[in-house]
Amino acid sequence: MTDVTGDGVGPVASRGRAVLVHPATERAAERAAIEEYPVAYDLPGNGDLTDQLLSPMWTSSRVWWPLFIVSGLLVVLFLYAMAVTFVRGIGAWGNNIPVAWAYGITDFVWWIGIGHAGTFISAFLILLNQHWRASVNRFAETMTLFALINASLFPILHLGRPWFFYWLVPYPATTGVWPSFKSSLPWDVAAISTYFTVSLLFWYLGLVPDLAAARDCAPGLWRRRIYGIFALGWRGSSNEWRHYRVAYTLLAGLATPLVISVHSIVSLDFAITQLPGWHSTIFPPYFVVGAIYSGLAMVLLLILPARRVFRLENIITSAHLSNIAKLMLATGSMLAYSYMCEAFMAWYSGDPYEHYTMLVARPMGPYAVVFWLMICANVVTPQIFWWRKMRTSVVALFIASLLIFAGMWCERFIIIVGSLNRDFLPSSWHFYAPTWVDLSLLFGSIGLFCFLFLAFLRWVPMVPVSEVKRLRFELLRAGGLPRNGRRTVAR
């Protein structure tokens, strides 16, 4: 704002004339309009804040062990189903011809989509200088890694001979055999490996200052030594912080286009074919929007229980819940628009096969129940977020996220199985039904994800201590920290 009076008062246009507004008045109005809810409140001092955020690593809650054991049993089921697949082959699944891709690829696309919201929340929002991400970005980044681990297993299982998985990698073999780059499998390998590498570096770099804090606060010698190894000798000097900020921002800039490119590559696995229901140019943006949508639902499913169990209400506030709900409403609306575009183009194109697949087989065919569950979960459910009360209700958010989480799996199932089971020739139509191995792999992968995430909650700082301290400092400098119980208002 230009100072034209010399006393800190600047001009503002109003109804065609200049009106002088004092900066203090403008800042007060801006603060009142910044957020509906505070992004943090009742933050203690730096020492107490460190103890609050690191204490879950030294003491386990009463619900942690039962959940850890249950998820461990699901991991055992998952490993057993994998062993059956290794020994008996794909014949242990319910796959048939023409449904050669079924639960295995459905789970793969579903899991890799879930992992996209982590990079979206961290990379996109840090480039946009959104401070509210500080309290939830560690959950999102960790979710990305574990979802990618799950996603990477299913294409390997689907190979039929998974012990030859390294054939998908172009390496200088003496036989001179290289993978066929016309196949979509090498594309998936390149996409997953690139995305996982960048996400791992991004996650670990953000952890280094917090691992150093854990090294200094850990109660036992062995814990201090272990955290000290992973902290890489971090001392918190100004030079280290300068290099840290530069590297973190560069990785954020590198990870941002991967959010779009990785799932676009996955969508091209389907779009390059001639199959009705797959051969569509809308698939890349359609898959990216759906991936972010399902990932945001997963983030809420993770942070809501952790917020309650570890009493992080002053760190993860209603502002975070409201912002994530708004993002879910936006991405859910985009997904609904994609559904309408698919149906409209099937009708407008005049292609009888596309018309039958999109307007007859899906809404009224053998998987019509799954289709309408998908529509209700993915299109109808997020509409409750138009109301402010629903965006901050923990119960409403958890139920809606659970429905969207399941609805996005239904969408992947409809896209893959719903298109394959009825292709061009009615004589080749075949109904698909999953076997116990298919179901065990699905629920076992969910158990593996929960097992890894519970281990993360127990041994890794779940909230970035350094970023929350930085947020506290900025609020203190802006005069927004709570005093005598008053709440904090911040961007």
Protein backbone atom coordinates (compact mmCIF):
# COMPACT_ATOMS: atom_id res chain seq x y z
CA MET A 1 0.00 0.00 0.00
CA THR A 2 1.36 3.43 -0.93
CA ASP A 3 1.72 5.92 1.93
CA VAL A 4 0.53 9.30 0.64
CA THR A 5 0.14 11.17 3.92
CA GLY A 6 3.37 10.37 5.72
CA ASP A 7 1.56 8.98 8.75
CA GLY A 8 1.10 5.38 7.55
CA VAL A 9 -2.32 5.94 6.00
CA GLY A 10 -2.90 4.61 2.48
CA PRO A 11 -5.58 5.14 -0.18
CA VAL A 12 -8.24 2.57 -0.96
CA ALA A 13 -10.66 2.86 -3.88
CA SER A 14 -14.32 2.99 -2.87
CA ARG A 15 -17.16 3.85 -5.25
CA GLY A 16 -14.87 5.69 -7.63
CA ARG A 17 -13.12 7.85 -5.02
CA ALA A 18 -10.10 7.41 -2.77
CA VAL A 19 -10.71 6.69 0.91
CA LEU A 20 -7.90 6.78 3.44
CA VAL A 21 -7.73 3.68 5.67
CA HIS A 22 -5.33 3.44 8.58
CA PRO A 23 -3.12 0.29 8.41
CA ALA A 24 -4.17 -0.78 11.92
CA THR A 25 -7.83 -0.72 10.87
CA GLU A 26 -7.04 -2.62 7.69
CA ARG A 27 -5.05 -5.28 9.58
CA ALA A 28 -7.90 -5.73 12.04
CA ALA A 29 -10.41 -6.19 9.23
CA GLU A 30 -8.08 -8.57 7.43
CA ARG A 31 -7.56 -10.64 10.58
CA ALA A 32 -11.32 -10.90 11.09
CA ALA A 33 -11.77 -12.14 7.51
CA ILE A 34 -8.76 -14.46 7.34
CA GLU A 35 -10.28 -17.64 8.77
CA GLU A 36 -13.53 -18.87 10.16
CA TYR A 37 -11.61 -20.81 12.77
CA PRO A 38 -8.16 -20.43 14.38
CA VAL A 39 -5.36 -22.48 12.87
CA ALA A 40 -3.86 -23.01 16.35
CA TYR A 41 -4.74 -22.03 19.88
CA ASP A 42 -3.48 -22.45 23.44
CA LEU A 43 0.00 -23.31 22.18
CA PRO A 44 2.43 -23.78 25.10
CA GLY A 45 6.06 -22.64 25.17
CA ASN A 46 8.66 -24.27 22.96
CA GLY A 47 9.74 -26.79 25.59
CA ASP A 48 6.22 -27.86 26.51
CA LEU A 49 5.25 -27.93 22.83
CA THR A 50 8.14 -30.30 22.10
CA ASP A 51 7.09 -32.55 24.99
CA GLN A 52 3.48 -32.59 23.78
CA LEU A 53 4.39 -33.58 20.22
CA LEU A 54 7.11 -36.11 21.10
CA SER A 55 5.51 -37.74 24.14
CA PRO A 56 3.52 -40.31 22.06
CA MET A 57 6.90 -41.77 21.05
CA TRP A 58 7.78 -42.57 24.67
CA THR A 59 4.38 -43.75 25.93
CA SER A 60 1.80 -45.86 24.09
CA SER A 61 -1.93 -45.35 24.50
CA ARG A 62 -4.35 -48.08 25.56
CA VAL A 63 -5.82 -48.43 22.07
CA TRP A 64 -2.48 -48.68 20.26
CA TRP A 65 -1.60 -52.28 21.16
CA PRO A 66 -5.01 -53.80 20.27
CA LEU A 67 -5.04 -51.99 16.93
CA PHE A 68 -1.43 -52.99 16.28
CA ILE A 69 -2.22 -56.66 16.97
CA VAL A 70 -5.34 -56.66 14.79
CA SER A 71 -3.50 -55.01 11.92
CA GLY A 72 -0.66 -57.50 12.41
CA LEU A 73 -3.11 -60.39 12.00
CA LEU A 74 -4.36 -58.82 8.77
CA VAL A 75 -0.75 -58.59 7.59
CA VAL A 76 -0.39 -62.34 8.25
CA LEU A 77 -3.53 -62.93 6.17
CA PHE A 78 -2.07 -60.73 3.44
CA LEU A 79 1.20 -62.68 3.41
CA TYR A 80 -0.67 -65.98 3.30
CA ALA A 81 -2.76 -64.79 0.33
CA MET A 82 0.44 -63.67 -1.40
CA ALA A 83 2.01 -67.10 -0.77
CA VAL A 84 -1.06 -68.82 -2.26
CA THR A 85 -0.76 -66.56 -5.30
CA PHE A 86 2.92 -67.39 -5.67
CA VAL A 87 2.30 -71.14 -5.47
CA ARG A 88 -0.98 -71.52 -7.39
CA GLY A 89 -0.67 -68.51 -9.68
CA ILE A 90 -3.35 -66.10 -10.83
CA GLY A 91 -5.77 -69.05 -11.03
CA ALA A 92 -6.29 -68.60 -7.30
CA TRP A 93 -8.00 -65.30 -8.09
CA GLY A 94 -11.42 -64.89 -9.66
CA ASN A 95 -9.99 -63.54 -12.93
CA ASN A 96 -11.33 -64.92 -16.16
CA ILE A 97 -11.54 -64.03 -19.82
CA PRO A 98 -12.48 -61.28 -20.60
CA VAL A 99 -11.97 -59.99 -17.02
CA ALA A 100 -8.20 -60.48 -17.00
CA TRP A 101 -7.76 -57.42 -14.76
CA ALA A 102 -9.85 -57.47 -11.63
CA TYR A 103 -9.13 -56.97 -7.93
CA GLY A 104 -5.36 -56.85 -8.42
CA ILE A 105 -5.35 -53.83 -10.73
CA THR A 106 -8.35 -52.30 -8.94
CA ASP A 107 -6.41 -52.33 -5.67
CA PHE A 108 -3.31 -51.01 -7.42
CA VAL A 109 -5.07 -47.98 -8.93
CA TRP A 110 -6.94 -47.36 -5.67
CA TRP A 111 -3.82 -47.36 -3.49
CA ILE A 112 -1.68 -45.27 -5.81
CA GLY A 113 -4.51 -42.74 -5.95
CA ILE A 114 -4.71 -42.54 -2.17
CA GLY A 115 -1.04 -41.63 -2.04
CA HIS A 116 -1.54 -38.48 -4.11
CA ALA A 117 -3.08 -36.28 -1.43
CA GLY A 118 0.08 -36.47 0.66
CA THR A 119 2.18 -34.73 -1.96
CA PHE A 120 -0.72 -32.41 -2.76
CA ILE A 121 -1.04 -31.20 0.85
CA SER A 122 2.70 -30.91 1.37
CA ALA A 123 4.14 -29.79 -1.97
CA PHE A 124 1.29 -27.71 -3.37
CA LEU A 125 0.50 -25.94 -0.12
CA ILE A 126 4.11 -25.15 0.76
CA LEU A 127 4.54 -23.50 -2.64
CA LEU A 128 1.34 -21.55 -2.00
CA ASN A 129 2.65 -20.55 1.45
CA GLN A 130 -0.31 -22.06 3.29
CA HIS A 131 0.71 -22.21 6.96
CA TRP A 132 -2.15 -24.47 8.03
CA ARG A 133 -0.46 -27.43 6.37
CA ALA A 134 2.15 -27.53 9.18
CA SER A 135 -0.03 -29.60 11.49
CA VAL A 136 -1.15 -32.26 9.00
CA ASN A 137 1.54 -32.57 6.35
CA ARG A 138 3.47 -35.33 8.19
CA PHE A 139 0.35 -37.52 8.26
CA ALA A 140 -0.21 -36.91 4.56
CA GLU A 141 3.40 -37.56 3.53
CA THR A 142 3.55 -40.79 5.54
CA MET A 143 0.26 -41.90 4.03
CA THR A 144 1.80 -41.40 0.58
CA LEU A 145 4.75 -43.69 1.30
CA PHE A 146 2.71 -46.52 2.79
CA ALA A 147 0.06 -46.31 0.06
CA LEU A 148 2.79 -46.54 -2.59
CA ILE A 149 4.27 -49.59 -0.85
CA ASN A 150 0.87 -51.28 -1.09
CA ALA A 151 0.36 -50.15 -4.67
CA SER A 152 3.72 -51.48 -5.81
CA LEU A 153 2.91 -55.02 -4.66
CA PHE A 154 -0.15 -55.61 -6.85
CA PRO A 155 1.42 -55.23 -10.33
CA ILE A 156 4.16 -57.63 -9.19
CA LEU A 157 1.58 -60.15 -7.98
CA HIS A 158 -0.29 -59.74 -11.25
CA LEU A 159 2.71 -60.74 -13.35
CA GLY A 160 1.95 -64.44 -12.93
CA ARG A 161 5.66 -65.10 -12.35
CA PRO A 162 6.44 -62.39 -9.78
CA TRP A 163 9.96 -63.66 -9.16
CA PHE A 164 10.87 -62.19 -12.55
CA PHE A 165 9.71 -58.70 -11.61
CA TYR A 166 13.15 -57.26 -12.42
CA TRP A 167 12.46 -57.93 -16.11
CA LEU A 168 10.35 -54.77 -16.04
CA VAL A 169 13.45 -52.68 -15.37
CA PRO A 170 15.68 -51.80 -18.36
CA TYR A 171 19.04 -53.10 -17.19
CA PRO A 172 22.08 -54.15 -19.32
CA ALA A 173 21.58 -57.94 -19.39
CA THR A 174 23.87 -60.30 -21.29
CA THR A 175 20.83 -61.70 -23.12
CA GLY A 176 20.12 -58.30 -24.63
CA VAL A 177 16.44 -58.54 -23.68
CA TRP A 178 14.72 -55.25 -22.84
CA PRO A 179 11.18 -54.64 -21.61
CA SER A 180 8.57 -53.71 -24.19
CA PHE A 181 7.90 -50.03 -23.72
CA LYS A 182 4.65 -50.46 -25.63
CA SER A 183 3.35 -52.31 -22.59
CA SER A 184 1.84 -50.32 -19.73
CA LEU A 185 3.68 -52.30 -17.05
CA PRO A 186 7.07 -50.55 -17.56
CA TRP A 187 5.20 -47.23 -17.42
CA ASP A 188 3.79 -48.14 -14.00
CA VAL A 189 7.22 -49.20 -12.76
CA ALA A 190 8.75 -45.88 -13.85
CA ALA A 191 5.87 -43.87 -12.36
CA ILE A 192 5.84 -45.64 -8.99
CA SER A 193 9.62 -45.72 -8.56
CA THR A 194 10.00 -42.02 -9.42
CA TYR A 195 7.12 -40.94 -7.23
CA PHE A 196 8.25 -43.10 -4.31
CA THR A 197 11.84 -41.85 -4.48
CA VAL A 198 10.87 -38.17 -4.51
CA SER A 199 8.22 -38.69 -1.81
CA LEU A 200 10.69 -40.55 0.41
CA LEU A 201 13.31 -37.81 0.09
CA PHE A 202 10.70 -35.14 0.74
CA TRP A 203 9.39 -36.98 3.81
CA TYR A 204 12.81 -37.75 5.26
CA LEU A 205 14.17 -34.24 4.72
CA GLY A 206 11.24 -32.81 6.67
CA LEU A 207 11.91 -35.33 9.44
CA VAL A 208 15.56 -34.44 10.04
CA PRO A 209 15.02 -31.49 12.45
CA ASP A 210 12.39 -33.47 14.37
CA LEU A 211 14.64 -36.53 14.61
CA ALA A 212 17.29 -34.26 16.10
CA ALA A 213 14.74 -33.04 18.65
CA ALA A 214 13.87 -36.68 19.44
CA ARG A 215 17.59 -37.43 19.81
CA ASP A 216 17.91 -34.69 22.40
CA CYS A 217 14.72 -35.61 24.30
CA ALA A 218 14.69 -39.43 24.12
CA PRO A 219 14.63 -41.06 27.59
CA GLY A 220 17.06 -43.93 26.82
CA LEU A 221 20.61 -44.08 25.51
CA TRP A 222 19.81 -46.51 22.70
CA ARG A 223 16.94 -44.38 21.49
CA ARG A 224 19.18 -41.33 21.44
CA ARG A 225 21.78 -43.19 19.44
CA ILE A 226 19.24 -44.47 16.90
CA TYR A 227 17.58 -41.08 16.45
CA GLY A 228 21.03 -39.48 16.35
CA ILE A 229 22.03 -41.68 13.40
CA PHE A 230 18.96 -40.73 11.41
CA ALA A 231 19.26 -37.04 12.39
CA LEU A 232 22.50 -36.88 10.35
CA GLY A 233 24.26 -34.66 12.88
CA TRP A 234 21.67 -31.88 12.70
CA ARG A 235 22.48 -29.03 15.11
CA GLY A 236 20.02 -26.38 14.01
CA SER A 237 22.54 -23.75 12.94
CA SER A 238 21.46 -20.89 10.70
CA ASN A 239 23.51 -22.34 7.85
CA GLU A 240 21.80 -25.71 8.19
CA TRP A 241 18.38 -24.08 8.24
CA ARG A 242 19.19 -22.06 5.12
CA HIS A 243 20.20 -25.16 3.17
CA TYR A 244 17.23 -27.05 4.58
CA ARG A 245 14.73 -24.46 3.35
CA VAL A 246 16.25 -24.35 -0.12
CA ALA A 247 16.31 -28.16 -0.47
CA TYR A 248 12.78 -28.53 0.93
CA THR A 249 11.36 -25.97 -1.48
CA LEU A 250 13.19 -27.52 -4.45
CA LEU A 251 11.83 -30.98 -3.59
CA ALA A 252 8.36 -29.48 -3.24
CA GLY A 253 8.69 -27.99 -6.71
CA LEU A 254 9.90 -31.34 -8.06
CA ALA A 255 7.11 -33.31 -6.38
CA THR A 256 4.31 -31.01 -7.51
CA PRO A 257 4.24 -32.06 -11.20
CA LEU A 258 4.50 -35.69 -10.13
CA VAL A 259 1.04 -35.43 -8.57
CA ILE A 260 -0.32 -34.84 -12.06
CA SER A 261 2.07 -36.95 -14.14
CA VAL A 262 2.07 -40.19 -12.12
CA HIS A 263 -1.66 -40.82 -12.08
CA SER A 264 -1.94 -39.56 -15.65
CA ILE A 265 0.47 -42.36 -16.63
CA VAL A 266 -1.64 -44.85 -14.68
CA SER A 267 -4.77 -43.63 -16.49
CA LEU A 268 -3.07 -44.14 -19.85
CA ASP A 269 -2.88 -47.87 -19.04
CA PHE A 270 -6.59 -47.83 -19.83
CA ALA A 271 -6.98 -44.91 -22.25
CA ILE A 272 -4.59 -46.39 -24.86
CA THR A 273 -6.91 -49.37 -25.38
CA GLN A 274 -9.94 -49.56 -27.67
CA LEU A 275 -12.23 -50.96 -24.98
CA PRO A 276 -15.53 -49.08 -24.45
CA GLY A 277 -15.43 -47.32 -21.09
CA TRP A 278 -11.63 -46.94 -21.24
CA HIS A 279 -10.87 -45.28 -24.56
CA SER A 280 -11.35 -41.68 -23.40
CA THR A 281 -9.22 -38.54 -23.44
CA ILE A 282 -10.75 -37.41 -20.16
CA PHE A 283 -9.00 -40.16 -18.20
CA PRO A 284 -5.80 -38.30 -17.13
CA PRO A 285 -7.53 -35.34 -15.39
CA TYR A 286 -10.35 -37.64 -14.28
CA PHE A 287 -7.90 -39.99 -12.54
CA VAL A 288 -5.87 -37.17 -10.99
CA VAL A 289 -8.94 -35.52 -9.47
CA GLY A 290 -10.20 -38.86 -8.15
CA ALA A 291 -6.79 -39.65 -6.69
CA ILE A 292 -6.59 -36.39 -4.75
CA TYR A 293 -10.20 -36.85 -3.65
CA SER A 294 -9.62 -40.32 -2.21
CA GLY A 295 -6.35 -39.22 -0.62
CA LEU A 296 -8.02 -36.33 1.19
CA ALA A 297 -10.61 -38.76 2.58
CA MET A 298 -7.79 -41.01 3.79
CA VAL A 299 -6.04 -38.07 5.46
CA LEU A 300 -9.16 -37.34 7.49
CA LEU A 301 -9.54 -41.01 8.42
CA LEU A 302 -6.01 -40.89 9.83
CA ILE A 303 -5.90 -37.54 11.58
CA LEU A 304 -9.32 -37.62 13.24
CA PRO A 305 -8.62 -40.64 15.50
CA ALA A 306 -5.02 -39.49 16.15
CA ARG A 307 -6.26 -36.01 17.03
CA ARG A 308 -8.62 -37.47 19.62
CA VAL A 309 -6.32 -40.12 21.08
CA PHE A 310 -3.23 -37.91 21.39
CA ARG A 311 -5.17 -34.75 22.33
CA LEU A 312 -3.96 -32.63 19.45
CA GLU A 313 -7.03 -30.40 19.27
CA ASN A 314 -4.89 -27.30 19.81
CA ILE A 315 -2.56 -28.31 16.95
CA ILE A 316 -5.04 -29.85 14.47
CA THR A 317 -7.95 -27.45 14.87
CA SER A 318 -11.31 -26.96 13.23
CA ALA A 319 -9.57 -24.78 10.63
CA HIS A 320 -7.67 -27.80 9.30
CA LEU A 321 -10.79 -29.95 9.21
CA SER A 322 -12.75 -27.19 7.45
CA ASN A 323 -10.01 -26.61 4.86
CA ILE A 324 -9.68 -30.31 4.03
CA ALA A 325 -13.47 -30.58 3.78
CA LYS A 326 -13.51 -27.65 1.35
CA LEU A 327 -10.86 -29.36 -0.77
CA MET A 328 -12.92 -32.54 -0.73
CA LEU A 329 -15.99 -30.59 -1.81
CA ALA A 330 -14.04 -29.02 -4.69
CA THR A 331 -12.47 -32.28 -5.90
CA GLY A 332 -15.75 -34.14 -5.40
CA SER A 333 -17.52 -31.59 -7.60
CA MET A 334 -14.83 -32.01 -10.26
CA LEU A 335 -15.27 -35.77 -10.09
CA ALA A 336 -19.04 -35.43 -10.48
CA TYR A 337 -18.43 -33.25 -13.53
CA SER A 338 -16.19 -35.99 -14.95
CA TYR A 339 -18.95 -38.54 -14.47
CA MET A 340 -21.35 -36.28 -16.36
CA CYS A 341 -18.83 -35.74 -19.16
CA GLU A 342 -18.40 -39.50 -19.55
CA ALA A 343 -22.14 -40.07 -19.80
CA PHE A 344 -22.70 -37.11 -22.13
CA MET A 345 -19.92 -38.10 -24.54
CA ALA A 346 -21.18 -41.69 -24.64
CA TRP A 347 -24.59 -40.36 -25.69
CA TYR A 348 -23.32 -37.61 -28.02
CA SER A 349 -20.70 -39.74 -29.81
CA GLY A 350 -23.27 -42.09 -31.32
CA ASP A 351 -20.96 -45.06 -30.69
CA PRO A 352 -23.30 -47.97 -29.82
CA TYR A 353 -20.65 -49.81 -27.79
CA GLU A 354 -19.77 -46.75 -25.71
CA HIS A 355 -23.47 -45.94 -25.33
CA TYR A 356 -24.23 -49.42 -24.05
CA THR A 357 -21.29 -49.52 -21.63
CA MET A 358 -21.83 -46.11 -20.05
CA LEU A 359 -25.63 -45.75 -20.16
CA VAL A 360 -26.88 -49.33 -19.95
CA ALA A 361 -24.34 -51.81 -18.59
CA ARG A 362 -23.03 -49.67 -15.73
CA PRO A 363 -26.26 -48.23 -14.29
CA MET A 364 -28.43 -51.29 -15.04
CA GLY A 365 -26.00 -54.18 -15.59
CA PRO A 366 -24.70 -56.89 -13.25
CA TYR A 367 -22.71 -54.39 -11.17
CA ALA A 368 -25.44 -51.75 -10.98
CA VAL A 369 -25.47 -51.89 -7.16
CA VAL A 370 -21.76 -51.06 -7.04
CA PHE A 371 -22.27 -48.27 -9.57
CA TRP A 372 -25.03 -46.56 -7.58
CA LEU A 373 -23.10 -46.98 -4.34
CA MET A 374 -20.24 -45.19 -6.11
CA ILE A 375 -22.52 -42.33 -7.17
CA CYS A 376 -24.01 -41.94 -3.69
CA ALA A 377 -20.64 -42.05 -1.95
CA ASN A 378 -18.62 -39.90 -4.34
CA VAL A 379 -21.20 -37.39 -5.57
CA VAL A 380 -23.89 -37.08 -2.90
CA THR A 381 -21.78 -37.43 0.25
CA PRO A 382 -19.48 -34.37 -0.21
CA GLN A 383 -22.48 -32.09 -0.70
CA ILE A 384 -22.89 -31.94 3.08
CA PHE A 385 -19.72 -29.83 3.18
CA TRP A 386 -21.62 -26.83 1.86
CA TRP A 387 -22.67 -26.36 5.49
CA ARG A 388 -20.09 -24.95 7.89
CA LYS A 389 -21.29 -27.13 10.76
CA MET A 390 -20.67 -30.31 8.74
CA ARG A 391 -17.16 -29.19 7.82
CA THR A 392 -16.15 -29.07 11.49
CA SER A 393 -18.18 -31.99 12.85
CA VAL A 394 -15.76 -34.82 13.64
CA VAL A 395 -18.46 -37.49 13.36
CA ALA A 396 -19.78 -36.17 10.03
CA LEU A 397 -16.27 -35.85 8.61
CA PHE A 398 -15.28 -39.37 9.66
CA ILE A 399 -18.42 -41.01 8.25
CA ALA A 400 -18.22 -39.00 5.01
CA SER A 401 -14.52 -39.85 4.59
CA LEU A 402 -15.23 -43.53 5.19
CA LEU A 403 -17.98 -43.50 2.55
CA ILE A 404 -15.75 -41.69 0.04
CA PHE A 405 -12.88 -44.07 0.85
CA ALA A 406 -15.11 -47.04 -0.06
CA GLY A 407 -16.78 -45.19 -2.93
CA MET A 408 -13.49 -44.57 -4.68
CA TRP A 409 -12.69 -48.27 -4.55
CA CYS A 410 -16.10 -48.91 -6.12
CA GLU A 411 -15.23 -46.43 -8.86
CA ARG A 412 -12.00 -48.28 -9.69
CA PHE A 413 -13.92 -51.57 -9.71
CA ILE A 414 -16.58 -50.19 -12.06
CA ILE A 415 -13.97 -48.73 -14.41
CA ILE A 416 -11.97 -51.97 -14.62
CA VAL A 417 -14.34 -54.88 -14.10
CA GLY A 418 -17.47 -53.06 -15.27
CA SER A 419 -15.83 -52.36 -18.64
CA LEU A 420 -14.11 -55.72 -19.11
CA ASN A 421 -16.94 -58.10 -18.27
CA ARG A 422 -19.04 -56.90 -21.22
CA ASP A 423 -16.98 -55.96 -24.27
CA PHE A 424 -17.82 -55.95 -28.00
CA LEU A 425 -19.08 -59.54 -28.37
CA PRO A 426 -21.97 -60.78 -26.20
CA SER A 427 -20.65 -64.32 -26.68
CA SER A 428 -17.52 -63.40 -24.68
CA TRP A 429 -19.33 -61.79 -21.76
CA HIS A 430 -18.45 -63.29 -18.41
CA PHE A 431 -19.47 -62.38 -14.87
CA TYR A 432 -16.64 -61.80 -12.41
CA ALA A 433 -16.82 -62.82 -8.74
CA PRO A 434 -13.88 -62.50 -6.32
CA THR A 435 -12.42 -65.46 -4.46
CA TRP A 436 -11.28 -65.50 -0.84
CA VAL A 437 -7.74 -64.79 -2.08
CA ASP A 438 -8.92 -61.57 -3.76
CA LEU A 439 -10.72 -60.44 -0.62
CA SER A 440 -7.76 -61.41 1.58
CA LEU A 441 -5.39 -59.36 -0.56
CA LEU A 442 -7.72 -56.34 -0.37
CA PHE A 443 -8.31 -56.37 3.38
CA GLY A 444 -4.77 -57.59 4.05
CA SER A 445 -3.36 -54.58 2.20
CA ILE A 446 -5.51 -52.32 4.39
CA GLY A 447 -4.10 -54.16 7.40
CA LEU A 448 -0.55 -53.65 6.12
CA PHE A 449 -1.19 -49.95 5.72
CA CYS A 450 -2.60 -49.67 9.25
CA PHE A 451 0.29 -51.74 10.65
CA LEU A 452 2.88 -49.44 9.11
CA PHE A 453 0.98 -46.31 10.11
CA LEU A 454 0.63 -47.44 13.75
CA ALA A 455 4.37 -48.15 13.82
CA PHE A 456 4.94 -44.64 12.47
CA LEU A 457 2.80 -43.13 15.25
CA ARG A 458 4.82 -45.01 17.85
CA TRP A 459 8.37 -44.32 16.73
CA VAL A 460 8.36 -41.23 14.47
CA PRO A 461 7.22 -37.65 15.26
CA MET A 462 3.70 -37.54 13.84
CA VAL A 463 3.52 -33.73 13.74
CA PRO A 464 6.45 -31.63 12.42
CA VAL A 465 7.73 -30.03 15.63
CA SER A 466 9.94 -27.50 13.88
CA GLU A 467 7.15 -26.25 11.61
CA VAL A 468 4.65 -25.91 14.45
CA LYS A 469 7.27 -23.97 16.43
CA ARG A 470 7.82 -21.75 13.42
CA LEU A 471 4.07 -21.20 13.20
CA ARG A 472 4.02 -20.31 16.90
CA PHE A 473 6.82 -17.79 16.38
CA GLU A 474 5.03 -16.16 13.47
CA LEU A 475 1.82 -15.94 15.47
CA LEU A 476 3.69 -14.48 18.43
CA ARG A 477 5.35 -11.90 16.22
CA ALA A 478 1.97 -11.01 14.73
CA GLY A 479 0.47 -10.66 18.18
CA GLY A 480 -1.95 -13.51 17.62
CA LEU A 481 -0.89 -16.02 20.26
CA PRO A 482 -3.46 -16.80 22.95
CA ARG A 483 -3.39 -14.69 26.05
CA ASN A 484 -5.61 -15.49 29.01
CA GLY A 485 -7.38 -18.23 27.08
CA ARG A 486 -7.98 -16.21 23.91
CA ARG A 487 -7.64 -18.10 20.65
CA THR A 488 -5.09 -17.60 17.91
CA VAL A 489 -6.04 -16.35 14.48
CA ALA A 490 -3.64 -16.93 11.58
CA ARG A 491 -3.50 -17.58 7.91
